[in-house]
N, C-alpha and C. Protein backbone atom coordinates (compact mmCIF):
# COMPACT_ATOMS: atom_id res chain seq x y z
N MET A 1 80.77 161.42 136.46
CA MET A 1 81.39 162.72 136.23
C MET A 1 80.31 163.78 136.41
N ASN A 2 80.62 164.83 137.16
CA ASN A 2 79.62 165.86 137.39
C ASN A 2 79.55 166.83 136.20
N LYS A 3 78.52 167.66 136.21
CA LYS A 3 78.28 168.58 135.09
C LYS A 3 79.44 169.56 134.91
N PHE A 4 80.04 170.00 136.00
CA PHE A 4 81.16 170.93 135.91
C PHE A 4 82.34 170.28 135.20
N SER A 5 82.69 169.06 135.58
CA SER A 5 83.80 168.34 134.96
C SER A 5 83.55 168.11 133.49
N MET A 6 82.31 167.74 133.16
CA MET A 6 81.97 167.51 131.75
C MET A 6 82.08 168.82 130.96
N GLY A 7 81.71 169.92 131.57
CA GLY A 7 81.82 171.22 130.92
C GLY A 7 83.26 171.59 130.64
N VAL A 8 84.14 171.31 131.61
CA VAL A 8 85.56 171.59 131.45
C VAL A 8 86.14 170.74 130.31
N VAL A 9 85.79 169.45 130.30
CA VAL A 9 86.28 168.56 129.24
C VAL A 9 85.77 169.03 127.88
N LEU A 10 84.51 169.39 127.80
CA LEU A 10 83.93 169.88 126.54
C LEU A 10 84.62 171.16 126.09
N LEU A 11 84.86 172.08 127.00
CA LEU A 11 85.55 173.33 126.69
C LEU A 11 86.97 173.04 126.19
N PHE A 12 87.65 172.08 126.82
CA PHE A 12 89.00 171.69 126.40
C PHE A 12 88.99 171.14 124.98
N LEU A 13 88.04 170.26 124.68
CA LEU A 13 87.96 169.67 123.34
C LEU A 13 87.67 170.72 122.28
N VAL A 14 86.77 171.64 122.58
CA VAL A 14 86.45 172.72 121.63
C VAL A 14 87.68 173.59 121.41
N SER A 15 88.40 173.89 122.49
CA SER A 15 89.61 174.70 122.39
C SER A 15 90.67 174.02 121.54
N CYS A 16 90.87 172.72 121.76
CA CYS A 16 91.86 171.96 120.96
C CYS A 16 91.47 171.96 119.49
N GLY A 17 90.19 171.79 119.21
CA GLY A 17 89.73 171.80 117.82
C GLY A 17 89.97 173.15 117.17
N SER A 18 89.74 174.22 117.92
CA SER A 18 89.96 175.57 117.40
C SER A 18 91.44 175.80 117.10
N THR A 19 92.32 175.34 118.00
CA THR A 19 93.76 175.48 117.80
C THR A 19 94.21 174.69 116.59
N LEU A 20 93.69 173.47 116.44
CA LEU A 20 94.02 172.63 115.29
C LEU A 20 93.56 173.29 113.99
N ASP A 21 92.37 173.86 114.00
CA ASP A 21 91.87 174.57 112.80
C ASP A 21 92.79 175.72 112.44
N ARG A 22 93.23 176.50 113.44
CA ARG A 22 94.13 177.64 113.17
C ARG A 22 95.45 177.16 112.61
N GLU A 23 96.00 176.07 113.16
CA GLU A 23 97.27 175.53 112.66
C GLU A 23 97.14 175.05 111.23
N MET A 24 96.04 174.37 110.91
CA MET A 24 95.84 173.88 109.54
C MET A 24 95.68 175.04 108.57
N LYS A 25 94.95 176.08 108.99
CA LYS A 25 94.76 177.25 108.15
C LYS A 25 96.10 177.95 107.92
N SER A 26 96.91 178.06 108.98
CA SER A 26 98.22 178.70 108.88
C SER A 26 99.12 177.93 107.91
N GLN A 27 99.12 176.59 108.01
CA GLN A 27 99.93 175.77 107.09
C GLN A 27 99.44 175.92 105.66
N SER A 28 98.15 176.02 105.49
CA SER A 28 97.58 176.22 104.15
C SER A 28 98.04 177.55 103.55
N GLU A 29 98.08 178.59 104.39
CA GLU A 29 98.54 179.91 103.92
C GLU A 29 100.01 179.86 103.53
N VAL A 30 100.83 179.10 104.28
CA VAL A 30 102.25 178.97 103.95
C VAL A 30 102.40 178.30 102.59
N VAL A 31 101.64 177.24 102.35
CA VAL A 31 101.71 176.54 101.06
C VAL A 31 101.32 177.48 99.94
N LYS A 32 100.27 178.28 100.13
CA LYS A 32 99.86 179.24 99.10
C LYS A 32 100.96 180.26 98.85
N ALA A 33 101.61 180.73 99.93
CA ALA A 33 102.65 181.75 99.80
C ALA A 33 103.88 181.19 99.07
N GLU A 34 104.08 179.86 99.11
CA GLU A 34 105.25 179.26 98.50
C GLU A 34 105.06 178.91 97.03
N THR A 35 103.90 179.17 96.49
CA THR A 35 103.64 178.87 95.09
C THR A 35 104.35 179.89 94.21
N ILE A 36 105.10 179.40 93.22
CA ILE A 36 105.82 180.29 92.31
C ILE A 36 104.81 180.99 91.41
N PRO A 37 104.84 182.32 91.35
CA PRO A 37 103.87 183.05 90.51
C PRO A 37 103.97 182.62 89.04
N SER A 38 102.84 182.54 88.38
CA SER A 38 102.81 182.06 87.00
C SER A 38 103.53 182.99 86.03
N ASP A 39 103.65 184.27 86.36
CA ASP A 39 104.32 185.21 85.46
C ASP A 39 105.80 185.42 85.81
N TYR A 40 106.33 184.60 86.71
CA TYR A 40 107.72 184.71 87.16
C TYR A 40 108.55 183.66 86.42
N ASN A 41 109.49 184.12 85.57
CA ASN A 41 110.26 183.17 84.78
C ASN A 41 111.68 183.68 84.51
N PRO A 42 112.56 183.62 85.52
CA PRO A 42 113.95 184.04 85.31
C PRO A 42 114.66 183.25 84.21
N GLU A 43 114.29 182.01 84.03
CA GLU A 43 114.90 181.18 82.98
C GLU A 43 114.66 181.82 81.61
N ALA A 44 113.45 182.31 81.37
CA ALA A 44 113.12 182.97 80.10
C ALA A 44 113.89 184.28 79.96
N LYS A 45 114.07 184.99 81.08
CA LYS A 45 114.82 186.26 81.05
C LYS A 45 116.27 186.02 80.62
N LEU A 46 116.87 184.95 81.13
CA LEU A 46 118.24 184.62 80.73
C LEU A 46 118.32 184.45 79.22
N SER A 47 117.35 183.75 78.67
CA SER A 47 117.32 183.51 77.23
C SER A 47 117.16 184.83 76.47
N GLU A 48 116.26 185.69 76.94
CA GLU A 48 116.05 187.00 76.30
C GLU A 48 117.33 187.84 76.32
N LEU A 49 118.10 187.72 77.40
CA LEU A 49 119.33 188.49 77.56
C LEU A 49 120.53 187.83 76.87
N ASN A 50 120.30 186.69 76.24
CA ASN A 50 121.37 185.92 75.57
C ASN A 50 122.51 185.58 76.51
N ILE A 51 122.16 185.21 77.73
CA ILE A 51 123.17 184.83 78.73
C ILE A 51 123.28 183.32 78.75
N ILE A 52 124.49 182.85 78.59
CA ILE A 52 124.78 181.42 78.67
C ILE A 52 125.50 181.17 79.98
N LEU A 53 124.92 180.30 80.80
CA LEU A 53 125.54 179.98 82.09
C LEU A 53 126.71 179.04 81.89
N ARG A 54 127.63 179.06 82.85
CA ARG A 54 128.90 178.32 82.72
C ARG A 54 129.08 177.36 83.88
N ASP A 55 129.64 176.21 83.60
CA ASP A 55 129.99 175.26 84.66
C ASP A 55 131.06 175.91 85.54
N GLN A 56 130.83 175.91 86.83
CA GLN A 56 131.76 176.55 87.76
C GLN A 56 132.82 175.58 88.29
N GLY A 57 132.72 174.32 87.92
CA GLY A 57 133.74 173.35 88.33
C GLY A 57 133.74 173.12 89.83
N ILE A 58 134.80 172.50 90.30
CA ILE A 58 134.95 172.20 91.72
C ILE A 58 135.80 173.31 92.35
N PRO A 59 135.40 173.81 93.53
CA PRO A 59 136.20 174.84 94.19
C PRO A 59 137.65 174.39 94.38
N ALA A 60 138.56 175.33 94.24
CA ALA A 60 139.99 175.03 94.32
C ALA A 60 140.48 174.89 95.75
N ALA A 61 139.67 175.28 96.72
CA ALA A 61 140.09 175.20 98.13
C ALA A 61 139.04 174.44 98.93
N ASN A 62 139.15 174.51 100.24
CA ASN A 62 138.29 173.74 101.14
C ASN A 62 136.99 174.49 101.44
N TYR A 63 136.12 174.61 100.42
CA TYR A 63 134.82 175.24 100.57
C TYR A 63 133.90 174.70 99.48
N VAL A 64 132.63 175.07 99.54
CA VAL A 64 131.67 174.67 98.51
C VAL A 64 131.07 175.93 97.89
N HIS A 65 130.47 175.77 96.73
CA HIS A 65 129.89 176.93 96.03
C HIS A 65 128.70 177.53 96.79
N ALA A 66 127.93 176.67 97.46
CA ALA A 66 126.73 177.15 98.14
C ALA A 66 126.37 176.24 99.30
N VAL A 67 125.74 176.85 100.30
CA VAL A 67 125.24 176.11 101.45
C VAL A 67 123.79 176.53 101.67
N ARG A 68 122.93 175.53 101.80
CA ARG A 68 121.52 175.82 102.05
C ARG A 68 121.22 175.65 103.53
N ALA A 69 120.52 176.63 104.10
CA ALA A 69 120.05 176.58 105.48
C ALA A 69 118.58 176.96 105.46
N GLY A 70 117.71 175.96 105.57
CA GLY A 70 116.28 176.23 105.47
C GLY A 70 115.93 176.69 104.08
N ASN A 71 115.31 177.86 103.99
CA ASN A 71 114.95 178.39 102.67
C ASN A 71 115.93 179.47 102.20
N LEU A 72 117.11 179.53 102.84
CA LEU A 72 118.15 180.46 102.41
C LEU A 72 119.31 179.70 101.78
N LEU A 73 119.84 180.26 100.70
CA LEU A 73 121.01 179.69 100.03
C LEU A 73 122.12 180.73 100.09
N PHE A 74 123.25 180.36 100.70
CA PHE A 74 124.39 181.25 100.87
C PHE A 74 125.42 180.88 99.81
N LEU A 75 125.73 181.81 98.90
CA LEU A 75 126.68 181.55 97.83
C LEU A 75 128.05 182.11 98.20
N ALA A 76 129.08 181.28 98.04
CA ALA A 76 130.46 181.69 98.30
C ALA A 76 130.85 182.80 97.34
N GLY A 77 131.84 183.58 97.72
CA GLY A 77 132.33 184.64 96.85
C GLY A 77 132.83 184.08 95.52
N LYS A 78 132.47 184.76 94.44
CA LYS A 78 132.91 184.40 93.09
C LYS A 78 133.59 185.61 92.48
N GLY A 79 134.49 185.32 91.57
CA GLY A 79 135.20 186.38 90.86
C GLY A 79 134.70 186.52 89.43
N PRO A 80 135.33 187.45 88.68
CA PRO A 80 134.88 187.76 87.32
C PRO A 80 135.51 186.87 86.26
N LYS A 81 135.38 185.54 86.43
CA LYS A 81 135.91 184.63 85.42
C LYS A 81 135.03 184.73 84.18
N GLN A 82 135.66 184.99 83.05
CA GLN A 82 134.95 185.18 81.78
C GLN A 82 134.73 183.84 81.08
N ALA A 83 133.98 183.86 79.99
CA ALA A 83 133.70 182.64 79.22
C ALA A 83 134.99 181.97 78.74
N ASN A 84 136.05 182.76 78.53
CA ASN A 84 137.32 182.19 78.07
C ASN A 84 138.13 181.56 79.21
N GLY A 85 137.59 181.60 80.44
CA GLY A 85 138.26 180.99 81.58
C GLY A 85 139.20 181.91 82.34
N GLU A 86 139.40 183.11 81.84
CA GLU A 86 140.32 184.05 82.49
C GLU A 86 139.55 185.07 83.33
N ASN A 87 140.13 185.40 84.49
CA ASN A 87 139.54 186.43 85.34
C ASN A 87 139.86 187.82 84.81
N VAL A 88 138.96 188.75 85.06
CA VAL A 88 139.27 190.17 84.85
C VAL A 88 140.12 190.55 86.06
N VAL A 89 141.34 191.03 85.80
CA VAL A 89 142.25 191.36 86.89
C VAL A 89 142.66 192.83 86.83
N GLY A 90 143.09 193.32 87.98
CA GLY A 90 143.58 194.70 88.07
C GLY A 90 142.81 195.50 89.09
N LYS A 91 143.37 196.65 89.42
CA LYS A 91 142.76 197.54 90.40
C LYS A 91 141.93 198.62 89.71
N LEU A 92 140.76 198.85 90.29
CA LEU A 92 139.93 199.96 89.82
C LEU A 92 140.60 201.26 90.25
N GLY A 93 140.61 202.20 89.35
CA GLY A 93 141.26 203.47 89.61
C GLY A 93 142.72 203.49 89.17
N ALA A 94 143.22 202.34 88.71
CA ALA A 94 144.60 202.26 88.19
C ALA A 94 144.53 201.57 86.84
N ALA A 95 144.59 200.24 86.83
CA ALA A 95 144.59 199.48 85.57
C ALA A 95 143.22 199.39 84.93
N LEU A 96 142.14 199.52 85.72
CA LEU A 96 140.78 199.34 85.19
C LEU A 96 139.93 200.59 85.37
N SER A 97 139.10 200.87 84.37
CA SER A 97 138.17 201.99 84.42
C SER A 97 136.89 201.57 85.14
N LEU A 98 136.06 202.52 85.46
CA LEU A 98 134.76 202.25 86.07
C LEU A 98 133.93 201.33 85.18
N GLU A 99 133.93 201.57 83.87
CA GLU A 99 133.16 200.76 82.93
C GLU A 99 133.67 199.31 82.91
N GLU A 100 134.98 199.15 82.97
CA GLU A 100 135.55 197.79 83.01
C GLU A 100 135.20 197.09 84.32
N GLY A 101 135.15 197.85 85.41
CA GLY A 101 134.74 197.28 86.70
C GLY A 101 133.29 196.85 86.68
N TYR A 102 132.43 197.67 86.09
CA TYR A 102 131.00 197.34 85.96
C TYR A 102 130.86 196.05 85.17
N ALA A 103 131.57 195.93 84.05
CA ALA A 103 131.52 194.72 83.22
C ALA A 103 132.04 193.51 83.98
N ALA A 104 133.07 193.70 84.80
CA ALA A 104 133.61 192.60 85.61
C ALA A 104 132.58 192.13 86.63
N ALA A 105 131.89 193.07 87.26
CA ALA A 105 130.86 192.71 88.24
C ALA A 105 129.71 191.96 87.56
N ARG A 106 129.41 192.31 86.33
CA ARG A 106 128.37 191.60 85.58
C ARG A 106 128.82 190.16 85.30
N GLU A 107 130.10 189.96 85.02
CA GLU A 107 130.64 188.61 84.83
C GLU A 107 130.47 187.78 86.11
N VAL A 108 130.71 188.41 87.26
CA VAL A 108 130.53 187.72 88.53
C VAL A 108 129.06 187.30 88.67
N ALA A 109 128.15 188.18 88.30
CA ALA A 109 126.72 187.86 88.39
C ALA A 109 126.38 186.64 87.54
N ILE A 110 126.94 186.55 86.35
CA ILE A 110 126.70 185.38 85.49
C ILE A 110 127.22 184.12 86.17
N ASN A 111 128.38 184.22 86.80
CA ASN A 111 128.95 183.07 87.50
C ASN A 111 128.08 182.66 88.69
N GLN A 112 127.55 183.63 89.43
CA GLN A 112 126.67 183.30 90.56
C GLN A 112 125.34 182.72 90.07
N LEU A 113 124.82 183.22 88.97
CA LEU A 113 123.61 182.63 88.39
C LEU A 113 123.87 181.18 87.99
N SER A 114 125.07 180.92 87.51
CA SER A 114 125.45 179.55 87.15
C SER A 114 125.44 178.64 88.37
N VAL A 115 125.95 179.14 89.50
CA VAL A 115 125.93 178.37 90.74
C VAL A 115 124.49 178.11 91.16
N LEU A 116 123.66 179.14 91.12
CA LEU A 116 122.26 178.98 91.50
C LEU A 116 121.57 177.92 90.66
N LYS A 117 121.78 177.97 89.36
CA LYS A 117 121.17 177.00 88.45
C LYS A 117 121.65 175.59 88.79
N ALA A 118 122.93 175.42 89.04
CA ALA A 118 123.48 174.10 89.38
C ALA A 118 122.91 173.59 90.70
N GLU A 119 122.74 174.48 91.66
CA GLU A 119 122.23 174.09 92.98
C GLU A 119 120.74 173.78 92.97
N LEU A 120 119.97 174.59 92.26
CA LEU A 120 118.51 174.50 92.31
C LEU A 120 117.90 173.75 91.13
N GLY A 121 118.63 173.65 90.03
CA GLY A 121 118.09 173.00 88.84
C GLY A 121 117.27 173.93 87.97
N ASN A 122 116.75 175.00 88.55
CA ASN A 122 115.91 175.95 87.82
C ASN A 122 115.92 177.28 88.58
N LEU A 123 116.22 178.36 87.88
CA LEU A 123 116.28 179.68 88.53
C LEU A 123 114.90 180.17 88.98
N ASN A 124 113.84 179.56 88.47
CA ASN A 124 112.49 179.95 88.91
C ASN A 124 112.27 179.63 90.38
N LYS A 125 113.14 178.83 90.98
CA LYS A 125 113.03 178.49 92.40
C LYS A 125 113.59 179.59 93.31
N VAL A 126 114.21 180.61 92.72
CA VAL A 126 114.71 181.73 93.52
C VAL A 126 113.53 182.64 93.85
N LYS A 127 113.24 182.75 95.13
CA LYS A 127 112.13 183.60 95.57
C LYS A 127 112.56 185.06 95.66
N ARG A 128 113.79 185.28 96.12
CA ARG A 128 114.27 186.65 96.29
C ARG A 128 115.77 186.66 96.47
N VAL A 129 116.42 187.63 95.86
CA VAL A 129 117.82 187.90 96.18
C VAL A 129 117.78 188.76 97.44
N VAL A 130 118.37 188.26 98.52
CA VAL A 130 118.26 188.92 99.82
C VAL A 130 119.40 189.90 100.06
N MET A 131 120.65 189.42 99.89
CA MET A 131 121.80 190.24 100.25
C MET A 131 122.95 189.99 99.28
N VAL A 132 123.62 191.06 98.92
CA VAL A 132 124.80 190.99 98.07
C VAL A 132 125.93 191.73 98.79
N ASN A 133 127.09 191.08 98.85
CA ASN A 133 128.28 191.70 99.43
C ASN A 133 129.33 191.80 98.33
N GLY A 134 129.52 193.01 97.81
CA GLY A 134 130.44 193.24 96.71
C GLY A 134 131.76 193.82 97.19
N MET A 135 132.86 193.22 96.74
CA MET A 135 134.20 193.66 97.11
C MET A 135 134.94 194.09 95.85
N VAL A 136 135.48 195.28 95.87
CA VAL A 136 136.14 195.86 94.70
C VAL A 136 137.62 196.05 94.99
N ASN A 137 138.46 195.47 94.14
CA ASN A 137 139.91 195.64 94.24
C ASN A 137 140.22 197.04 93.71
N ALA A 138 140.60 197.95 94.59
CA ALA A 138 140.73 199.35 94.18
C ALA A 138 141.89 200.06 94.87
N VAL A 139 142.35 201.11 94.21
CA VAL A 139 143.34 201.98 94.84
C VAL A 139 142.63 202.77 95.94
N PRO A 140 143.37 203.24 96.95
CA PRO A 140 142.72 203.95 98.07
C PRO A 140 141.89 205.16 97.64
N GLU A 141 142.27 205.81 96.55
CA GLU A 141 141.57 207.02 96.13
C GLU A 141 140.27 206.72 95.38
N PHE A 142 140.04 205.48 94.99
CA PHE A 142 138.83 205.11 94.22
C PHE A 142 137.62 205.16 95.15
N THR A 143 136.55 205.82 94.71
CA THR A 143 135.37 205.97 95.57
C THR A 143 134.06 205.53 94.91
N ASN A 144 134.14 204.90 93.75
CA ASN A 144 132.92 204.52 93.04
C ASN A 144 132.62 203.02 93.14
N HIS A 145 132.86 202.45 94.31
CA HIS A 145 132.63 201.02 94.52
C HIS A 145 131.20 200.62 94.18
N SER A 146 130.24 201.43 94.62
CA SER A 146 128.83 201.09 94.38
C SER A 146 128.51 201.09 92.88
N LYS A 147 129.13 201.98 92.12
CA LYS A 147 128.88 202.00 90.67
C LYS A 147 129.46 200.76 89.99
N VAL A 148 130.54 200.23 90.52
CA VAL A 148 131.10 198.98 90.00
C VAL A 148 130.13 197.82 90.28
N ILE A 149 129.68 197.70 91.52
CA ILE A 149 128.82 196.59 91.92
C ILE A 149 127.44 196.71 91.28
N ASN A 150 127.10 197.88 90.77
CA ASN A 150 125.85 198.01 90.00
C ASN A 150 125.82 197.03 88.83
N GLY A 151 126.99 196.68 88.29
CA GLY A 151 127.04 195.70 87.20
C GLY A 151 126.45 194.37 87.62
N TYR A 152 126.64 194.01 88.87
CA TYR A 152 126.08 192.79 89.45
C TYR A 152 124.59 192.98 89.73
N SER A 153 124.29 194.04 90.48
CA SER A 153 122.91 194.29 90.91
C SER A 153 121.97 194.48 89.72
N ASP A 154 122.41 195.21 88.71
CA ASP A 154 121.56 195.47 87.55
C ASP A 154 121.18 194.17 86.84
N LEU A 155 122.12 193.22 86.78
CA LEU A 155 121.80 191.95 86.13
C LEU A 155 120.84 191.13 86.98
N MET A 156 120.98 191.16 88.30
CA MET A 156 120.04 190.43 89.16
C MET A 156 118.62 190.94 88.98
N VAL A 157 118.46 192.26 88.87
CA VAL A 157 117.13 192.83 88.67
C VAL A 157 116.63 192.51 87.26
N ALA A 158 117.50 192.52 86.27
CA ALA A 158 117.09 192.18 84.90
C ALA A 158 116.59 190.75 84.81
N VAL A 159 117.20 189.84 85.58
CA VAL A 159 116.82 188.42 85.53
C VAL A 159 115.62 188.13 86.43
N PHE A 160 115.61 188.66 87.66
CA PHE A 160 114.58 188.30 88.64
C PHE A 160 113.52 189.37 88.84
N GLY A 161 113.61 190.51 88.17
CA GLY A 161 112.63 191.58 88.38
C GLY A 161 112.72 192.12 89.79
N ASN A 162 111.58 192.46 90.39
CA ASN A 162 111.58 193.01 91.75
C ASN A 162 112.18 192.04 92.76
N ALA A 163 112.09 190.74 92.50
CA ALA A 163 112.67 189.74 93.39
C ALA A 163 114.21 189.80 93.36
N GLY A 164 114.77 190.50 92.39
CA GLY A 164 116.21 190.65 92.30
C GLY A 164 116.75 191.84 93.07
N LYS A 165 115.86 192.73 93.55
CA LYS A 165 116.31 193.88 94.35
C LYS A 165 116.71 193.39 95.72
N HIS A 166 117.83 193.87 96.21
CA HIS A 166 118.43 193.29 97.40
C HIS A 166 119.08 194.34 98.28
N ALA A 167 119.35 193.94 99.52
CA ALA A 167 120.22 194.74 100.39
C ALA A 167 121.65 194.50 99.90
N ARG A 168 122.53 195.47 100.14
CA ARG A 168 123.85 195.34 99.54
C ARG A 168 124.93 196.10 100.29
N ALA A 169 126.14 195.58 100.18
CA ALA A 169 127.34 196.31 100.60
C ALA A 169 128.27 196.34 99.40
N ALA A 170 128.93 197.46 99.19
CA ALA A 170 129.91 197.60 98.11
C ALA A 170 131.13 198.27 98.74
N VAL A 171 132.18 197.49 98.93
CA VAL A 171 133.34 198.00 99.66
C VAL A 171 134.62 197.83 98.86
N GLY A 172 135.59 198.68 99.17
CA GLY A 172 136.89 198.60 98.52
C GLY A 172 137.83 197.69 99.30
N MET A 173 138.68 196.99 98.55
CA MET A 173 139.67 196.09 99.14
C MET A 173 141.05 196.47 98.64
N GLY A 174 142.06 196.29 99.48
CA GLY A 174 143.43 196.54 99.08
C GLY A 174 143.92 195.54 98.05
N SER A 175 143.36 194.32 98.10
CA SER A 175 143.67 193.29 97.12
C SER A 175 142.61 192.21 97.20
N LEU A 176 142.54 191.41 96.15
CA LEU A 176 141.65 190.25 96.10
C LEU A 176 142.45 189.08 95.54
N PRO A 177 142.02 187.84 95.79
CA PRO A 177 142.77 186.68 95.30
C PRO A 177 143.07 186.75 93.81
N GLY A 178 144.31 186.47 93.46
CA GLY A 178 144.70 186.47 92.05
C GLY A 178 144.60 187.83 91.38
N ASN A 179 144.50 188.89 92.19
CA ASN A 179 144.36 190.25 91.67
C ASN A 179 143.04 190.45 90.92
N MET A 180 142.00 189.63 91.26
CA MET A 180 140.68 189.79 90.63
C MET A 180 140.20 191.22 90.85
N ALA A 181 139.46 191.73 89.88
CA ALA A 181 138.93 193.08 89.98
C ALA A 181 137.79 193.18 90.99
N VAL A 182 136.97 192.12 91.06
CA VAL A 182 135.76 192.14 91.88
C VAL A 182 135.51 190.73 92.42
N GLU A 183 134.94 190.67 93.61
CA GLU A 183 134.43 189.42 94.16
C GLU A 183 133.09 189.72 94.83
N VAL A 184 132.12 188.82 94.65
CA VAL A 184 130.79 189.05 95.22
C VAL A 184 130.28 187.75 95.84
N GLU A 185 129.68 187.89 97.02
CA GLU A 185 128.96 186.79 97.65
C GLU A 185 127.49 187.20 97.78
N MET A 186 126.61 186.19 97.88
CA MET A 186 125.19 186.50 97.83
C MET A 186 124.39 185.54 98.69
N ILE A 187 123.25 186.02 99.21
CA ILE A 187 122.28 185.20 99.91
C ILE A 187 120.96 185.31 99.15
N VAL A 188 120.34 184.17 98.87
CA VAL A 188 119.04 184.17 98.21
C VAL A 188 118.04 183.36 99.03
N GLU A 189 116.79 183.75 98.94
CA GLU A 189 115.69 182.97 99.51
C GLU A 189 115.12 182.13 98.38
N VAL A 190 114.82 180.87 98.68
CA VAL A 190 114.31 179.97 97.64
C VAL A 190 112.93 179.46 98.03
N TYR A 191 112.15 179.11 97.02
CA TYR A 191 110.86 178.48 97.26
C TYR A 191 111.10 177.09 97.84
N GLN A 192 110.31 176.71 98.82
CA GLN A 192 110.45 175.39 99.47
C GLN A 192 110.07 174.27 98.52
């Protein structure tokens, strides 16, 4: 083998080693980024807030409570089923006040937290609440949809801190299943 060929082979080997080093360093950084911060404890926040999570049972139709795709967890829409098993029903702007709508959205948040706990085993595995889609059963003249869904969003921030702040839609609906006051679906990022 001539000196030129040996130089090319040597350059190739050095280049491969450099690429391998970069890949290993990159993987190491990902592992560090996936470590749950020591001061992050949504489970303790639930306890402080005196929130008791509820078994959500088996879905009544052909769907599941959550689907995981990579590090994202997509939660199916949930309604405001209370601890007594009954949904908060009625239209905002008619049968229900803004305050009652806010409380109903908070009930939905408790139900979604229950799904998260059942799926993950521990809420500390939630890295970030990414997206919330809130649907409000309302009369056409009702315009405070976002204030209703604040009941959901405020609880997510109370439980997860800054990781609970999310992108959101809050829209009015002509009706919802069973005349529920509110329905919310959510996407969360989870620690690997």
